[in-house]
Amino acid sequence: MKRPKEADEDFIWYVEHPEAFENYKGQHVAIWNKKVVDHGNTAKQAFDMAKKNYPRSKPTLAFIPKEEELILCIDYPKILLVTKTD
């Protein structure tokens, strides 16, 4: 598999800082510049609010599972998918 030229720093932050998402379990979050800039019940809601509040942002979207799940990343658009590990 070909490695991207540069890593998405927001994705790396997401993977390395699970404690930052404790308050967002069961929700979608928009991450920009290594912080959660918005959240919602759907990815679209989180994205729309992030773009409204940070028009120049290119947020990484993630769903924060209620339980431990496997995280998969799609290169573009920056959407993270999760699947249950049980």
N, C-alpha and C. Protein backbone atom coordinates (compact mmCIF):
# COMPACT_ATOMS: atom_id res chain seq x y z
N MET A 1 0.83 -1.17 0.00
CA MET A 1 0.00 0.00 0.00
C MET A 1 0.89 1.25 0.00
N LYS A 2 0.57 2.18 -0.87
CA LYS A 2 1.36 3.40 -0.98
C LYS A 2 1.06 4.34 0.19
N ARG A 3 2.10 4.85 0.80
CA ARG A 3 1.96 5.76 1.94
C ARG A 3 1.75 7.18 1.43
N PRO A 4 0.81 7.93 2.05
CA PRO A 4 0.61 9.31 1.62
C PRO A 4 1.85 10.16 1.84
N LYS A 5 2.02 11.19 1.02
CA LYS A 5 3.20 12.05 1.11
C LYS A 5 3.31 12.71 2.47
N GLU A 6 2.18 13.15 3.01
CA GLU A 6 2.21 13.73 4.34
C GLU A 6 1.04 13.18 5.13
N ALA A 7 1.29 12.92 6.38
CA ALA A 7 0.24 12.36 7.22
C ALA A 7 -0.73 13.46 7.64
N ASP A 8 -1.97 13.09 7.81
CA ASP A 8 -2.98 14.00 8.31
C ASP A 8 -2.73 14.17 9.82
N GLU A 9 -2.23 15.31 10.22
CA GLU A 9 -1.87 15.52 11.63
C GLU A 9 -3.08 15.45 12.54
N ASP A 10 -4.25 15.85 12.06
CA ASP A 10 -5.45 15.75 12.88
C ASP A 10 -5.83 14.28 13.10
N PHE A 11 -5.65 13.45 12.09
CA PHE A 11 -5.92 12.03 12.26
C PHE A 11 -4.95 11.42 13.27
N ILE A 12 -3.68 11.75 13.16
CA ILE A 12 -2.68 11.24 14.11
C ILE A 12 -3.05 11.69 15.53
N TRP A 13 -3.44 12.94 15.69
CA TRP A 13 -3.85 13.45 17.00
C TRP A 13 -5.05 12.66 17.52
N TYR A 14 -6.02 12.39 16.63
CA TYR A 14 -7.20 11.61 16.99
C TYR A 14 -6.81 10.24 17.53
N VAL A 15 -5.90 9.56 16.86
CA VAL A 15 -5.48 8.23 17.26
C VAL A 15 -4.69 8.26 18.57
N GLU A 16 -3.86 9.27 18.73
CA GLU A 16 -2.97 9.34 19.90
C GLU A 16 -3.62 9.95 21.15
N HIS A 17 -4.80 10.55 21.04
CA HIS A 17 -5.41 11.23 22.19
C HIS A 17 -6.87 10.82 22.40
N PRO A 18 -7.11 9.54 22.67
CA PRO A 18 -8.50 9.09 22.86
C PRO A 18 -9.18 9.79 24.04
N GLU A 19 -8.42 10.25 25.00
CA GLU A 19 -9.01 10.93 26.16
C GLU A 19 -9.72 12.23 25.76
N ALA A 20 -9.34 12.82 24.65
CA ALA A 20 -9.95 14.08 24.19
C ALA A 20 -11.38 13.88 23.71
N PHE A 21 -11.80 12.61 23.53
CA PHE A 21 -13.10 12.33 22.95
C PHE A 21 -14.08 11.68 23.91
N GLU A 22 -13.71 11.62 25.18
CA GLU A 22 -14.57 10.98 26.19
C GLU A 22 -15.98 11.59 26.23
N ASN A 23 -16.09 12.89 26.03
CA ASN A 23 -17.39 13.57 26.11
C ASN A 23 -18.20 13.47 24.82
N TYR A 24 -17.67 12.79 23.80
CA TYR A 24 -18.32 12.73 22.50
C TYR A 24 -18.72 11.32 22.09
N LYS A 25 -18.76 10.39 23.02
CA LYS A 25 -19.10 8.99 22.69
C LYS A 25 -20.48 8.92 22.05
N GLY A 26 -20.55 8.20 20.92
CA GLY A 26 -21.80 8.05 20.20
C GLY A 26 -22.11 9.21 19.27
N GLN A 27 -21.14 10.13 19.10
CA GLN A 27 -21.35 11.30 18.25
C GLN A 27 -20.28 11.38 17.15
N HIS A 28 -20.56 12.18 16.17
CA HIS A 28 -19.59 12.51 15.12
C HIS A 28 -18.89 13.79 15.52
N VAL A 29 -17.58 13.86 15.26
CA VAL A 29 -16.82 15.07 15.59
C VAL A 29 -16.09 15.58 14.35
N ALA A 30 -15.87 16.89 14.33
CA ALA A 30 -15.05 17.53 13.31
C ALA A 30 -13.79 18.00 14.02
N ILE A 31 -12.64 17.57 13.51
CA ILE A 31 -11.34 17.87 14.13
C ILE A 31 -10.58 18.80 13.18
N TRP A 32 -10.04 19.88 13.75
CA TRP A 32 -9.26 20.83 12.97
C TRP A 32 -8.17 21.40 13.86
N ASN A 33 -6.95 21.39 13.39
CA ASN A 33 -5.80 21.89 14.15
C ASN A 33 -5.69 21.24 15.53
N LYS A 34 -5.88 19.92 15.52
CA LYS A 34 -5.70 19.10 16.72
C LYS A 34 -6.65 19.47 17.86
N LYS A 35 -7.90 19.80 17.50
CA LYS A 35 -8.93 20.00 18.51
C LYS A 35 -10.29 19.71 17.90
N VAL A 36 -11.23 19.35 18.74
CA VAL A 36 -12.59 19.14 18.29
C VAL A 36 -13.22 20.52 18.14
N VAL A 37 -13.59 20.85 16.90
CA VAL A 37 -14.18 22.17 16.65
C VAL A 37 -15.70 22.11 16.60
N ASP A 38 -16.27 20.93 16.40
CA ASP A 38 -17.72 20.77 16.45
C ASP A 38 -18.08 19.31 16.52
N HIS A 39 -19.33 19.04 16.84
CA HIS A 39 -19.82 17.66 16.93
C HIS A 39 -21.30 17.64 16.64
N GLY A 40 -21.82 16.45 16.35
CA GLY A 40 -23.25 16.32 16.07
C GLY A 40 -23.66 14.88 15.99
N ASN A 41 -24.95 14.67 15.72
CA ASN A 41 -25.49 13.31 15.61
C ASN A 41 -25.15 12.66 14.28
N THR A 42 -24.78 13.46 13.28
CA THR A 42 -24.38 12.94 11.97
C THR A 42 -23.06 13.59 11.56
N ALA A 43 -22.37 12.96 10.63
CA ALA A 43 -21.12 13.53 10.12
C ALA A 43 -21.40 14.84 9.40
N LYS A 44 -22.52 14.88 8.68
CA LYS A 44 -22.87 16.10 7.95
C LYS A 44 -23.11 17.26 8.92
N GLN A 45 -23.80 16.98 10.00
CA GLN A 45 -24.05 18.02 10.99
C GLN A 45 -22.74 18.55 11.59
N ALA A 46 -21.83 17.65 11.94
CA ALA A 46 -20.55 18.07 12.50
C ALA A 46 -19.75 18.87 11.47
N PHE A 47 -19.74 18.39 10.21
CA PHE A 47 -19.01 19.08 9.16
C PHE A 47 -19.60 20.46 8.88
N ASP A 48 -20.92 20.53 8.73
CA ASP A 48 -21.57 21.82 8.43
C ASP A 48 -21.31 22.85 9.52
N MET A 49 -21.39 22.44 10.77
CA MET A 49 -21.14 23.38 11.88
C MET A 49 -19.67 23.82 11.90
N ALA A 50 -18.77 22.88 11.64
CA ALA A 50 -17.34 23.23 11.61
C ALA A 50 -17.06 24.24 10.50
N LYS A 51 -17.65 24.02 9.31
CA LYS A 51 -17.43 24.95 8.20
C LYS A 51 -18.08 26.30 8.46
N LYS A 52 -19.19 26.31 9.18
CA LYS A 52 -19.86 27.57 9.53
C LYS A 52 -18.99 28.38 10.49
N ASN A 53 -18.45 27.70 11.49
CA ASN A 53 -17.65 28.38 12.52
C ASN A 53 -16.19 28.60 12.12
N TYR A 54 -15.69 27.77 11.22
CA TYR A 54 -14.30 27.84 10.74
C TYR A 54 -14.32 27.68 9.22
N PRO A 55 -14.73 28.72 8.49
CA PRO A 55 -14.94 28.60 7.04
C PRO A 55 -13.73 28.09 6.25
N ARG A 56 -12.53 28.38 6.69
CA ARG A 56 -11.34 27.96 5.96
C ARG A 56 -10.84 26.58 6.38
N SER A 57 -11.53 25.95 7.29
CA SER A 57 -11.08 24.66 7.80
C SER A 57 -11.30 23.54 6.78
N LYS A 58 -10.51 22.51 6.93
CA LYS A 58 -10.67 21.25 6.19
C LYS A 58 -10.72 20.16 7.25
N PRO A 59 -11.85 20.08 7.96
CA PRO A 59 -11.89 19.19 9.12
C PRO A 59 -11.82 17.71 8.78
N THR A 60 -11.21 16.99 9.67
CA THR A 60 -11.23 15.54 9.64
C THR A 60 -12.47 15.13 10.43
N LEU A 61 -13.26 14.23 9.87
CA LEU A 61 -14.47 13.78 10.54
C LEU A 61 -14.25 12.39 11.13
N ALA A 62 -14.81 12.19 12.31
CA ALA A 62 -14.69 10.88 12.96
C ALA A 62 -15.95 10.60 13.76
N PHE A 63 -16.30 9.33 13.86
CA PHE A 63 -17.37 8.90 14.74
C PHE A 63 -16.72 8.35 15.99
N ILE A 64 -17.16 8.80 17.14
CA ILE A 64 -16.59 8.34 18.41
C ILE A 64 -17.50 7.22 18.94
N PRO A 65 -17.03 6.00 18.89
CA PRO A 65 -17.88 4.87 19.31
C PRO A 65 -18.12 4.86 20.82
N LYS A 66 -19.21 4.23 21.21
CA LYS A 66 -19.52 4.08 22.64
C LYS A 66 -18.65 2.99 23.25
N GLU A 67 -18.25 2.02 22.42
CA GLU A 67 -17.39 0.93 22.85
C GLU A 67 -16.13 0.93 22.00
N GLU A 68 -15.15 0.13 22.39
CA GLU A 68 -13.93 0.03 21.60
C GLU A 68 -14.24 -0.57 20.24
N GLU A 69 -13.75 0.08 19.20
CA GLU A 69 -13.99 -0.38 17.83
C GLU A 69 -12.74 -0.17 17.00
N LEU A 70 -12.66 -0.89 15.89
CA LEU A 70 -11.56 -0.78 14.95
C LEU A 70 -11.75 0.47 14.10
N ILE A 71 -10.70 1.25 13.90
CA ILE A 71 -10.77 2.49 13.13
C ILE A 71 -10.11 2.28 11.77
N LEU A 72 -10.83 2.65 10.71
CA LEU A 72 -10.31 2.60 9.36
C LEU A 72 -10.39 4.01 8.79
N CYS A 73 -9.42 4.39 7.97
CA CYS A 73 -9.38 5.73 7.41
C CYS A 73 -9.46 5.67 5.90
N ILE A 74 -10.32 6.51 5.32
CA ILE A 74 -10.39 6.69 3.88
C ILE A 74 -9.64 7.97 3.57
N ASP A 75 -8.73 7.93 2.59
CA ASP A 75 -7.88 9.08 2.30
C ASP A 75 -8.67 10.34 1.97
N TYR A 76 -9.63 10.28 1.06
CA TYR A 76 -10.38 11.48 0.72
C TYR A 76 -11.81 11.11 0.37
N PRO A 77 -12.82 11.75 0.87
CA PRO A 77 -12.71 12.80 1.87
C PRO A 77 -12.23 12.23 3.19
N LYS A 78 -11.74 13.07 4.04
CA LYS A 78 -11.16 12.62 5.31
C LYS A 78 -12.28 12.15 6.23
N ILE A 79 -12.71 10.93 6.03
CA ILE A 79 -13.76 10.36 6.87
C ILE A 79 -13.20 9.09 7.48
N LEU A 80 -13.39 8.95 8.78
CA LEU A 80 -12.93 7.76 9.47
C LEU A 80 -14.12 6.84 9.69
N LEU A 81 -13.93 5.56 9.42
CA LEU A 81 -14.97 4.57 9.60
C LEU A 81 -14.62 3.70 10.79
N VAL A 82 -15.64 3.20 11.48
CA VAL A 82 -15.39 2.33 12.61
C VAL A 82 -16.20 1.06 12.46
N THR A 83 -15.64 -0.04 12.94
CA THR A 83 -16.35 -1.30 12.99
C THR A 83 -16.13 -1.92 14.35
N LYS A 84 -17.14 -2.58 14.88
CA LYS A 84 -17.06 -3.19 16.20
C LYS A 84 -16.05 -4.33 16.19
N THR A 85 -15.27 -4.47 17.26
CA THR A 85 -14.22 -5.48 17.32
C THR A 85 -14.63 -6.76 18.02
N ASP A 86 -15.85 -6.86 18.51
CA ASP A 86 -16.29 -8.08 19.23
C ASP A 86 -16.31 -9.26 18.31
